[in-house]
């Protein structure tokens, strides 16, 4: 077994990484292998040194990749060479002295509450496709789940008695998220219609296409853009913006940040705190309006 295959098996068995993450790691390593083969006639990644990695980073930059994307690829390489060091396949880590590139933090503008409401209201829910689309949007906005989590959600993950969803997150970590009455009503109607579709009876995935098959990333992405491009002029309209909107609106309404952290499935509070930065304009307005010296 080659080192890359062994590394991916290690991530699956020991780190419990998702299939989506494994595909991304595989692609990153394949791309780096192609670079090394093309430029250095190198077919063994254990022979890599940092100058090759630096040239690879330059090549990625010339292709137009963002600093954030390049850093992500370097994380893959760093993890791979950490693994090779652990198993004794290499003596020197080629990225030991590497420092992450300074990347501009992208600022995501959340949808407003009215934009979410208008997006759902414009959907014709008398058809199965319309009901499914409305269900997808409500699931995103009511639970803050990720796109991959929505696609992987199963009918059996719905706990009607406890009015909660079991969501399988990153690294197969499960969490329970309560369901709002409006979401429960939508889900019940949707599930009734889903059960009428023949192909949907062959599997347990909750959201299905018009032909009853499991949905996929580009399907869900286009779904969100279709409806939110009609009600919003924001540059970014995607499933992640809906997740961002959920977190922002919860925090704006006074929800405890630790509760929001658990619902989102974040491993640490720092990730959740990123959403609090959206509130800065409101903080500034309140500060200027309330401070005694602000009017002097």
C-alpha atoms as a PDB file:
ATOM      1  CA  UNK A   1       0.000   0.000   0.000  1.00  0.00           C
ATOM      2  CA  UNK A   2       1.413   3.442  -0.909  1.00  0.00           C
ATOM      3  CA  UNK A   3       1.861   6.145   1.698  1.00  0.00           C
ATOM      4  CA  UNK A   4      -1.078   8.268   0.503  1.00  0.00           C
ATOM      5  CA  UNK A   5      -3.496   5.331   0.691  1.00  0.00           C
ATOM      6  CA  UNK A   6      -2.186   4.432   4.139  1.00  0.00           C
ATOM      7  CA  UNK A   7      -2.569   8.034   5.275  1.00  0.00           C
ATOM      8  CA  UNK A   8      -6.180   8.170   4.082  1.00  0.00           C
ATOM      9  CA  UNK A   9      -6.911   4.901   5.857  1.00  0.00           C
ATOM     10  CA  UNK A  10      -5.409   6.389   9.008  1.00  0.00           C
ATOM     11  CA  UNK A  11      -7.667   9.461   8.728  1.00  0.00           C
ATOM     12  CA  UNK A  12     -10.679   7.189   8.301  1.00  0.00           C
ATOM     13  CA  UNK A  13      -9.934   4.732  11.093  1.00  0.00           C
ATOM     14  CA  UNK A  14      -8.187   6.900  13.663  1.00  0.00           C
ATOM     15  CA  UNK A  15      -9.443  10.435  12.985  1.00  0.00           C
ATOM     16  CA  UNK A  16     -12.933   9.477  11.826  1.00  0.00           C
ATOM     17  CA  UNK A  17     -12.831  12.051   9.002  1.00  0.00           C
ATOM     18  CA  UNK A  18     -15.880  12.368   6.755  1.00  0.00           C
ATOM     19  CA  UNK A  19     -15.948  11.144   3.149  1.00  0.00           C
ATOM     20  CA  UNK A  20     -16.079  14.776   1.997  1.00  0.00           C
ATOM     21  CA  UNK A  21     -12.895  15.661   3.909  1.00  0.00           C
ATOM     22  CA  UNK A  22     -11.128  12.544   2.667  1.00  0.00           C
ATOM     23  CA  UNK A  23     -11.917  13.448  -0.955  1.00  0.00           C
ATOM     24  CA  UNK A  24     -10.496  16.932  -0.393  1.00  0.00           C
ATOM     25  CA  UNK A  25      -7.302  15.508   1.151  1.00  0.00           C
ATOM     26  CA  UNK A  26      -6.963  13.015  -1.692  1.00  0.00           C
ATOM     27  CA  UNK A  27      -7.311  15.736  -4.318  1.00  0.00           C
ATOM     28  CA  UNK A  28      -4.783  17.982  -2.554  1.00  0.00           C
ATOM     29  CA  UNK A  29      -2.223  15.183  -2.427  1.00  0.00           C
ATOM     30  CA  UNK A  30      -2.879  14.151  -6.040  1.00  0.00           C
ATOM     31  CA  UNK A  31      -2.377  17.764  -7.160  1.00  0.00           C
ATOM     32  CA  UNK A  32       0.879  18.020  -5.217  1.00  0.00           C
ATOM     33  CA  UNK A  33       2.068  14.693  -6.614  1.00  0.00           C
ATOM     34  CA  UNK A  34       1.347  15.925 -10.149  1.00  0.00           C
ATOM     35  CA  UNK A  35       3.341  19.096  -9.449  1.00  0.00           C
ATOM     36  CA  UNK A  36       6.313  17.096  -8.160  1.00  0.00           C
ATOM     37  CA  UNK A  37       6.190  14.622 -11.029  1.00  0.00           C
ATOM     38  CA  UNK A  38       5.890  17.324 -13.690  1.00  0.00           C
ATOM     39  CA  UNK A  39       8.534  19.676 -12.334  1.00  0.00           C
ATOM     40  CA  UNK A  40      10.994  17.367 -10.576  1.00  0.00           C
ATOM     41  CA  UNK A  41      10.296  13.917 -12.085  1.00  0.00           C
ATOM     42  CA  UNK A  42       9.679  12.895  -8.486  1.00  0.00           C
ATOM     43  CA  UNK A  43       7.363   9.946  -7.892  1.00  0.00           C
ATOM     44  CA  UNK A  44       7.955   9.445  -4.179  1.00  0.00           C
ATOM     45  CA  UNK A  45       6.569  12.104  -1.824  1.00  0.00           C
ATOM     46  CA  UNK A  46       8.988  11.018   0.904  1.00  0.00           C
ATOM     47  CA  UNK A  47      11.777  12.700  -1.105  1.00  0.00           C
ATOM     48  CA  UNK A  48      10.180  16.170  -1.031  1.00  0.00           C
ATOM     49  CA  UNK A  49      12.002  19.139   0.485  1.00  0.00           C
ATOM     50  CA  UNK A  50      10.676  22.581   1.351  1.00  0.00           C
ATOM     51  CA  UNK A  51      11.939  24.296  -1.813  1.00  0.00           C
ATOM     52  CA  UNK A  52       9.533  22.096  -3.775  1.00  0.00           C
ATOM     53  CA  UNK A  53       6.678  23.022  -1.472  1.00  0.00           C
ATOM     54  CA  UNK A  54       7.540  26.709  -1.845  1.00  0.00           C
ATOM     55  CA  UNK A  55       7.511  26.391  -5.647  1.00  0.00           C
ATOM     56  CA  UNK A  56       4.145  24.640  -5.396  1.00  0.00           C
ATOM     57  CA  UNK A  57       2.733  27.529  -3.350  1.00  0.00           C
ATOM     58  CA  UNK A  58       3.986  30.017  -5.974  1.00  0.00           C
ATOM     59  CA  UNK A  59       2.400  27.947  -8.734  1.00  0.00           C
ATOM     60  CA  UNK A  60      -0.938  27.881  -6.899  1.00  0.00           C
ATOM     61  CA  UNK A  61      -0.803  31.645  -6.430  1.00  0.00           C
ATOM     62  CA  UNK A  62      -0.164  32.158 -10.157  1.00  0.00           C
ATOM     63  CA  UNK A  63      -3.244  30.047 -10.886  1.00  0.00           C
ATOM     64  CA  UNK A  64      -5.290  32.567  -8.922  1.00  0.00           C
ATOM     65  CA  UNK A  65      -5.956  30.578  -5.762  1.00  0.00           C
ATOM     66  CA  UNK A  66      -6.655  32.659  -2.683  1.00  0.00           C
ATOM     67  CA  UNK A  67      -4.331  32.647   0.307  1.00  0.00           C
ATOM     68  CA  UNK A  68      -7.040  30.832   2.255  1.00  0.00           C
ATOM     69  CA  UNK A  69      -7.220  28.031  -0.349  1.00  0.00           C
ATOM     70  CA  UNK A  70      -3.439  27.715  -0.465  1.00  0.00           C
ATOM     71  CA  UNK A  71      -3.282  27.522   3.334  1.00  0.00           C
ATOM     72  CA  UNK A  72      -5.879  24.756   3.296  1.00  0.00           C
ATOM     73  CA  UNK A  73      -3.772  22.726   0.856  1.00  0.00           C
ATOM     74  CA  UNK A  74      -0.717  23.274   3.053  1.00  0.00           C
ATOM     75  CA  UNK A  75      -2.681  21.950   6.035  1.00  0.00           C
ATOM     76  CA  UNK A  76      -3.218  18.734   4.051  1.00  0.00           C
ATOM     77  CA  UNK A  77       0.499  18.467   3.269  1.00  0.00           C
ATOM     78  CA  UNK A  78       1.439  19.221   6.868  1.00  0.00           C
ATOM     79  CA  UNK A  79      -0.890  16.492   8.150  1.00  0.00           C
ATOM     80  CA  UNK A  80       0.464  14.032   5.586  1.00  0.00           C
ATOM     81  CA  UNK A  81       4.094  14.648   6.520  1.00  0.00           C
ATOM     82  CA  UNK A  82       3.278  14.544  10.235  1.00  0.00           C
ATOM     83  CA  UNK A  83       1.892  11.072   9.555  1.00  0.00           C
ATOM     84  CA  UNK A  84       5.033  10.041   7.625  1.00  0.00           C
ATOM     85  CA  UNK A  85       7.208  11.249  10.518  1.00  0.00           C
ATOM     86  CA  UNK A  86       5.097   9.250  12.977  1.00  0.00           C
ATOM     87  CA  UNK A  87       5.454   5.990  11.058  1.00  0.00           C
ATOM     88  CA  UNK A  88       9.154   6.621  10.441  1.00  0.00           C
ATOM     89  CA  UNK A  89       8.911   7.000   6.670  1.00  0.00           C
ATOM     90  CA  UNK A  90      10.816  10.317   6.756  1.00  0.00           C
ATOM     91  CA  UNK A  91      13.410  11.829   9.077  1.00  0.00           C
ATOM     92  CA  UNK A  92      12.829  15.507   8.301  1.00  0.00           C
ATOM     93  CA  UNK A  93       9.455  17.240   7.949  1.00  0.00           C
ATOM     94  CA  UNK A  94       9.594  19.384   4.766  1.00  0.00           C
ATOM     95  CA  UNK A  95       7.072  21.888   6.182  1.00  0.00           C
ATOM     96  CA  UNK A  96       8.606  22.114   9.647  1.00  0.00           C
ATOM     97  CA  UNK A  97       9.518  25.788   9.214  1.00  0.00           C
ATOM     98  CA  UNK A  98       6.520  26.742   7.081  1.00  0.00           C
ATOM     99  CA  UNK A  99       4.260  29.564   8.262  1.00  0.00           C
ATOM    100  CA  UNK A 100       0.726  30.091   7.038  1.00  0.00           C
ATOM    101  CA  UNK A 101       0.212  32.843   4.496  1.00  0.00           C
ATOM    102  CA  UNK A 102      -1.640  35.895   5.739  1.00  0.00           C
ATOM    103  CA  UNK A 103      -5.099  35.630   4.277  1.00  0.00           C
ATOM    104  CA  UNK A 104      -7.770  38.279   4.286  1.00  0.00           C
ATOM    105  CA  UNK A 105     -10.694  37.162   6.394  1.00  0.00           C
ATOM    106  CA  UNK A 106     -13.823  36.997   4.313  1.00  0.00           C
ATOM    107  CA  UNK A 107     -16.745  38.876   5.813  1.00  0.00           C
ATOM    108  CA  UNK A 108     -20.055  37.124   5.271  1.00  0.00           C
ATOM    109  CA  UNK A 109     -23.117  39.354   5.349  1.00  0.00           C
ATOM    110  CA  UNK A 110     -26.062  37.339   6.717  1.00  0.00           C
ATOM    111  CA  UNK A 111     -29.524  37.408   5.237  1.00  0.00           C
ATOM    112  CA  UNK A 112     -32.011  39.547   7.107  1.00  0.00           C
ATOM    113  CA  UNK A 113     -34.993  37.924   8.786  1.00  0.00           C
ATOM    114  CA  UNK A 114     -37.299  39.431   6.159  1.00  0.00           C
ATOM    115  CA  UNK A 115     -35.165  38.040   3.327  1.00  0.00           C
ATOM    116  CA  UNK A 116     -35.455  34.533   4.765  1.00  0.00           C
ATOM    117  CA  UNK A 117     -39.210  34.940   5.201  1.00  0.00           C
ATOM    118  CA  UNK A 118     -39.654  36.273   1.660  1.00  0.00           C
ATOM    119  CA  UNK A 119     -37.541  33.485   0.195  1.00  0.00           C
ATOM    120  CA  UNK A 120     -39.813  30.850   1.774  1.00  0.00           C
ATOM    121  CA  UNK A 121     -43.041  32.718   1.021  1.00  0.00           C
ATOM    122  CA  UNK A 122     -42.303  32.907  -2.704  1.00  0.00           C
ATOM    123  CA  UNK A 123     -42.076  29.115  -3.027  1.00  0.00           C
ATOM    124  CA  UNK A 124     -45.054  27.254  -4.478  1.00  0.00           C
ATOM    125  CA  UNK A 125     -45.397  24.502  -1.887  1.00  0.00           C
ATOM    126  CA  UNK A 126     -48.320  22.872  -3.691  1.00  0.00           C
ATOM    127  CA  UNK A 127     -45.750  20.884  -5.708  1.00  0.00           C
ATOM    128  CA  UNK A 128     -43.335  18.304  -4.307  1.00  0.00           C
ATOM    129  CA  UNK A 129     -40.271  20.155  -5.554  1.00  0.00           C
ATOM    130  CA  UNK A 130     -41.491  23.399  -4.012  1.00  0.00           C
ATOM    131  CA  UNK A 131     -42.261  21.730  -0.689  1.00  0.00           C
ATOM    132  CA  UNK A 132     -38.842  20.079  -0.692  1.00  0.00           C
ATOM    133  CA  UNK A 133     -37.101  23.378  -1.416  1.00  0.00           C
ATOM    134  CA  UNK A 134     -39.000  25.126   1.381  1.00  0.00           C
ATOM    135  CA  UNK A 135     -38.124  22.250   3.728  1.00  0.00           C
ATOM    136  CA  UNK A 136     -34.431  22.593   2.865  1.00  0.00           C
ATOM    137  CA  UNK A 137     -34.427  26.324   3.583  1.00  0.00           C
ATOM    138  CA  UNK A 138     -36.304  25.863   6.860  1.00  0.00           C
ATOM    139  CA  UNK A 139     -33.895  23.135   7.949  1.00  0.00           C
ATOM    140  CA  UNK A 140     -30.904  25.361   7.242  1.00  0.00           C
ATOM    141  CA  UNK A 141     -32.343  28.401   8.950  1.00  0.00           C
ATOM    142  CA  UNK A 142     -33.988  26.621  11.896  1.00  0.00           C
ATOM    143  CA  UNK A 143     -31.015  24.467  12.845  1.00  0.00           C
ATOM    144  CA  UNK A 144     -27.916  26.143  11.376  1.00  0.00           C
ATOM    145  CA  UNK A 145     -26.761  22.815   9.953  1.00  0.00           C
ATOM    146  CA  UNK A 146     -24.049  22.535   7.299  1.00  0.00           C
ATOM    147  CA  UNK A 147     -24.757  21.631   3.682  1.00  0.00           C
ATOM    148  CA  UNK A 148     -23.155  18.181   4.030  1.00  0.00           C
ATOM    149  CA  UNK A 149     -25.200  17.554   7.174  1.00  0.00           C
ATOM    150  CA  UNK A 150     -28.413  18.409   5.360  1.00  0.00           C
ATOM    151  CA  UNK A 151     -27.586  16.088   2.465  1.00  0.00           C
ATOM    152  CA  UNK A 152     -26.761  13.266   4.883  1.00  0.00           C
ATOM    153  CA  UNK A 153     -29.846  13.770   7.053  1.00  0.00           C
ATOM    154  CA  UNK A 154     -32.100  10.704   7.195  1.00  0.00           C
ATOM    155  CA  UNK A 155     -35.786  10.241   7.930  1.00  0.00           C
ATOM    156  CA  UNK A 156     -34.774   8.107  10.918  1.00  0.00           C
ATOM    157  CA  UNK A 157     -32.858  11.098  12.327  1.00  0.00           C
ATOM    158  CA  UNK A 158     -36.160  12.819  13.110  1.00  0.00           C
ATOM    159  CA  UNK A 159     -37.312  12.254  16.680  1.00  0.00           C
ATOM    160  CA  UNK A 160     -40.959  13.276  16.479  1.00  0.00           C
ATOM    161  CA  UNK A 161     -41.659  12.446  20.125  1.00  0.00           C
ATOM    162  CA  UNK A 162     -38.826  14.605  21.493  1.00  0.00           C
ATOM    163  CA  UNK A 163     -39.176  17.165  18.689  1.00  0.00           C
ATOM    164  CA  UNK A 164     -35.507  17.110  17.823  1.00  0.00           C
ATOM    165  CA  UNK A 165     -33.112  16.149  15.028  1.00  0.00           C
ATOM    166  CA  UNK A 166     -30.049  13.943  15.263  1.00  0.00           C
ATOM    167  CA  UNK A 167     -27.380  15.567  13.089  1.00  0.00           C
ATOM    168  CA  UNK A 168     -24.197  13.788  12.073  1.00  0.00           C
ATOM    169  CA  UNK A 169     -21.509  16.464  11.911  1.00  0.00           C
ATOM    170  CA  UNK A 170     -17.806  16.643  11.154  1.00  0.00           C
ATOM    171  CA  UNK A 171     -15.784  13.571  12.103  1.00  0.00           C
ATOM    172  CA  UNK A 172     -19.088  11.716  12.560  1.00  0.00           C
ATOM    173  CA  UNK A 173     -19.852  13.583  15.768  1.00  0.00           C
ATOM    174  CA  UNK A 174     -23.558  13.482  16.587  1.00  0.00           C
ATOM    175  CA  UNK A 175     -25.550  16.296  18.135  1.00  0.00           C
ATOM    176  CA  UNK A 176     -29.222  16.787  18.960  1.00  0.00           C
ATOM    177  CA  UNK A 177     -30.932  19.968  17.796  1.00  0.00           C
ATOM    178  CA  UNK A 178     -34.487  20.960  18.801  1.00  0.00           C
ATOM    179  CA  UNK A 179     -37.097  21.559  16.120  1.00  0.00           C
ATOM    180  CA  UNK A 180     -39.358  24.604  15.960  1.00  0.00           C
ATOM    181  CA  UNK A 181     -43.128  24.017  15.571  1.00  0.00           C
ATOM    182  CA  UNK A 182     -43.036  25.564  12.083  1.00  0.00           C
ATOM    183  CA  UNK A 183     -40.283  23.170  11.005  1.00  0.00           C
ATOM    184  CA  UNK A 184     -42.140  20.188  12.458  1.00  0.00           C
ATOM    185  CA  UNK A 185     -45.273  21.100  10.484  1.00  0.00           C
ATOM    186  CA  UNK A 186     -43.304  21.496   7.250  1.00  0.00           C
ATOM    187  CA  UNK A 187     -41.410  18.248   7.791  1.00  0.00           C
ATOM    188  CA  UNK A 188     -44.571  16.235   8.423  1.00  0.00           C
ATOM    189  CA  UNK A 189     -46.159  17.466   5.203  1.00  0.00           C
ATOM    190  CA  UNK A 190     -42.949  16.876   3.274  1.00  0.00           C
ATOM    191  CA  UNK A 191     -42.438  13.342   4.622  1.00  0.00           C
ATOM    192  CA  UNK A 192     -45.998  12.416   3.610  1.00  0.00           C
ATOM    193  CA  UNK A 193     -45.277  13.461   0.017  1.00  0.00           C
ATOM    194  CA  UNK A 194     -41.795  11.959   0.036  1.00  0.00           C
ATOM    195  CA  UNK A 195     -43.280   8.566   0.890  1.00  0.00           C
ATOM    196  CA  UNK A 196     -45.326   8.699  -2.322  1.00  0.00           C
ATOM    197  CA  UNK A 197     -42.216   8.704  -4.514  1.00  0.00           C
ATOM    198  CA  UNK A 198     -41.144   5.192  -5.536  1.00  0.00           C
ATOM    199  CA  UNK A 199     -37.365   5.680  -5.653  1.00  0.00           C
ATOM    200  CA  UNK A 200     -37.406   7.430  -2.288  1.00  0.00           C
ATOM    201  CA  UNK A 201     -38.663   4.226  -0.677  1.00  0.00           C
ATOM    202  CA  UNK A 202     -35.370   2.478  -1.472  1.00  0.00           C
ATOM    203  CA  UNK A 203     -33.325   4.602   0.932  1.00  0.00           C
ATOM    204  CA  UNK A 204     -33.632   6.646   4.131  1.00  0.00           C
ATOM    205  CA  UNK A 205     -32.188  10.013   3.070  1.00  0.00           C
ATOM    206  CA  UNK A 206     -34.603  12.784   3.956  1.00  0.00           C
ATOM    207  CA  UNK A 207     -34.156  15.250   1.099  1.00  0.00           C
ATOM    208  CA  UNK A 208     -34.588  13.785  -2.364  1.00  0.00           C
ATOM    209  CA  UNK A 209     -34.666  15.015  -5.955  1.00  0.00           C
ATOM    210  CA  UNK A 210     -37.855  14.966  -8.026  1.00  0.00           C
ATOM    211  CA  UNK A 211     -36.880  11.412  -9.050  1.00  0.00           C
ATOM    212  CA  UNK A 212     -36.532  10.312  -5.453  1.00  0.00           C
ATOM    213  CA  UNK A 213     -32.727  10.140  -5.381  1.00  0.00           C
ATOM    214  CA  UNK A 214     -30.438  11.511  -2.692  1.00  0.00           C
ATOM    215  CA  UNK A 215     -29.560  15.183  -3.168  1.00  0.00           C
ATOM    216  CA  UNK A 216     -25.972  16.352  -3.755  1.00  0.00           C
ATOM    217  CA  UNK A 217     -23.926  19.538  -3.096  1.00  0.00           C
ATOM    218  CA  UNK A 218     -24.475  21.357  -6.401  1.00  0.00           C
ATOM    219  CA  UNK A 219     -28.215  20.565  -6.239  1.00  0.00           C
ATOM    220  CA  UNK A 220     -28.573  22.130  -2.786  1.00  0.00           C
ATOM    221  CA  UNK A 221     -26.309  25.065  -3.671  1.00  0.00           C
ATOM    222  CA  UNK A 222     -28.382  25.923  -6.782  1.00  0.00           C
ATOM    223  CA  UNK A 223     -31.580  25.570  -4.756  1.00  0.00           C
ATOM    224  CA  UNK A 224     -30.516  28.230  -2.264  1.00  0.00           C
ATOM    225  CA  UNK A 225     -29.228  30.617  -4.937  1.00  0.00           C
ATOM    226  CA  UNK A 226     -32.439  30.229  -6.937  1.00  0.00           C
ATOM    227  CA  UNK A 227     -34.665  31.621  -4.206  1.00  0.00           C
ATOM    228  CA  UNK A 228     -32.350  34.035  -2.414  1.00  0.00           C
ATOM    229  CA  UNK A 229     -31.176  35.746  -5.585  1.00  0.00           C
ATOM    230  CA  UNK A 230     -34.813  36.789  -5.988  1.00  0.00           C
ATOM    231  CA  UNK A 231     -35.073  38.459  -2.592  1.00  0.00           C
ATOM    232  CA  UNK A 232     -31.525  39.616  -1.852  1.00  0.00           C
ATOM    233  CA  UNK A 233     -28.888  41.742  -3.583  1.00  0.00           C
ATOM    234  CA  UNK A 234     -26.089  40.242  -1.484  1.00  0.00           C
ATOM    235  CA  UNK A 235     -23.067  39.034  -3.417  1.00  0.00           C
ATOM    236  CA  UNK A 236     -22.963  35.732  -1.572  1.00  0.00           C
ATOM    237  CA  UNK A 237     -26.088  33.598  -1.438  1.00  0.00           C
ATOM    238  CA  UNK A 238     -25.280  30.070  -0.374  1.00  0.00           C
ATOM    239  CA  UNK A 239     -26.149  27.414   2.220  1.00  0.00           C
ATOM    240  CA  UNK A 240     -23.310  28.686   4.410  1.00  0.00           C
ATOM    241  CA  UNK A 241     -24.812  32.195   4.433  1.00  0.00           C
ATOM    242  CA  UNK A 242     -28.016  30.662   5.806  1.00  0.00           C
ATOM    243  CA  UNK A 243     -26.019  28.917   8.545  1.00  0.00           C
ATOM    244  CA  UNK A 244     -24.330  32.246   9.231  1.00  0.00           C
ATOM    245  CA  UNK A 245     -27.730  33.963   9.358  1.00  0.00           C
ATOM    246  CA  UNK A 246     -29.043  31.447  11.870  1.00  0.00           C
ATOM    247  CA  UNK A 247     -26.106  32.054  14.218  1.00  0.00           C
ATOM    248  CA  UNK A 248     -26.190  35.834  13.836  1.00  0.00           C
ATOM    249  CA  UNK A 249     -29.933  36.119  14.432  1.00  0.00           C
ATOM    250  CA  UNK A 250     -29.734  33.840  17.462  1.00  0.00           C
ATOM    251  CA  UNK A 251     -26.958  35.915  19.014  1.00  0.00           C
ATOM    252  CA  UNK A 252     -28.713  39.182  18.130  1.00  0.00           C
ATOM    253  CA  UNK A 253     -31.779  37.935  20.006  1.00  0.00           C
ATOM    254  CA  UNK A 254     -29.715  37.282  23.128  1.00  0.00           C
ATOM    255  CA  UNK A 255     -29.043  33.547  22.865  1.00  0.00           C
ATOM    256  CA  UNK A 256     -26.183  32.243  24.992  1.00  0.00           C
ATOM    257  CA  UNK A 257     -23.124  31.828  22.759  1.00  0.00           C
ATOM    258  CA  UNK A 258     -22.391  28.415  24.291  1.00  0.00           C
ATOM    259  CA  UNK A 259     -25.855  27.206  23.307  1.00  0.00           C
ATOM    260  CA  UNK A 260     -25.324  28.458  19.750  1.00  0.00           C
ATOM    261  CA  UNK A 261     -21.938  26.694  19.735  1.00  0.00           C
ATOM    262  CA  UNK A 262     -23.555  23.363  20.606  1.00  0.00           C
ATOM    263  CA  UNK A 263     -26.322  23.738  18.020  1.00  0.00           C
ATOM    264  CA  UNK A 264     -23.814  24.612  15.279  1.00  0.00           C
ATOM    265  CA  UNK A 265     -21.596  21.681  16.204  1.00  0.00           C
ATOM    266  CA  UNK A 266     -18.466  23.761  16.755  1.00  0.00           C
ATOM    267  CA  UNK A 267     -15.637  22.090  18.661  1.00  0.00           C
ATOM    268  CA  UNK A 268     -14.423  25.325  20.225  1.00  0.00           C
ATOM    269  CA  UNK A 269     -15.933  28.669  21.146  1.00  0.00           C
ATOM    270  CA  UNK A 270     -13.546  30.637  18.905  1.00  0.00           C
ATOM    271  CA  UNK A 271     -15.368  29.389  15.802  1.00  0.00           C
ATOM    272  CA  UNK A 272     -18.710  30.584  17.167  1.00  0.00           C
ATOM    273  CA  UNK A 273     -17.255  33.939  18.187  1.00  0.00           C
ATOM    274  CA  UNK A 274     -16.616  34.716  14.509  1.00  0.00           C
ATOM    275  CA  UNK A 275     -20.366  35.279  14.174  1.00  0.00           C
ATOM    276  CA  UNK A 276     -20.359  37.915  16.889  1.00  0.00           C
ATOM    277  CA  UNK A 277     -18.259  40.195  14.667  1.00  0.00           C
ATOM    278  CA  UNK A 278     -21.318  40.835  12.518  1.00  0.00           C
ATOM    279  CA  UNK A 279     -22.836  42.602  15.507  1.00  0.00           C
ATOM    280  CA  UNK A 280     -20.066  45.212  15.610  1.00  0.00           C
ATOM    281  CA  UNK A 281     -22.060  47.957  13.802  1.00  0.00           C
ATOM    282  CA  UNK A 282     -24.877  47.505  16.325  1.00  0.00           C
ATOM    283  CA  UNK A 283     -22.406  47.645  19.190  1.00  0.00           C
ATOM    284  CA  UNK A 284     -20.920  50.844  17.823  1.00  0.00           C
ATOM    285  CA  UNK A 285     -24.340  52.471  17.403  1.00  0.00           C
ATOM    286  CA  UNK A 286     -25.383  51.509  20.931  1.00  0.00           C
ATOM    287  CA  UNK A 287     -22.075  52.732  22.321  1.00  0.00           C
ATOM    288  CA  UNK A 288     -22.344  56.135  20.648  1.00  0.00           C
ATOM    289  CA  UNK A 289     -25.962  56.513  21.706  1.00  0.00           C
ATOM    290  CA  UNK A 290     -25.403  55.610  25.357  1.00  0.00           C
ATOM    291  CA  UNK A 291     -21.976  56.909  26.358  1.00  0.00           C
ATOM    292  CA  UNK A 292     -22.171  60.228  28.270  1.00  0.00           C
ATOM    293  CA  UNK A 293     -19.294  61.768  26.342  1.00  0.00           C
ATOM    294  CA  UNK A 294     -20.541  60.712  22.905  1.00  0.00           C
ATOM    295  CA  UNK A 295     -22.624  63.918  22.534  1.00  0.00           C
ATOM    296  CA  UNK A 296     -19.885  66.294  23.584  1.00  0.00           C
END
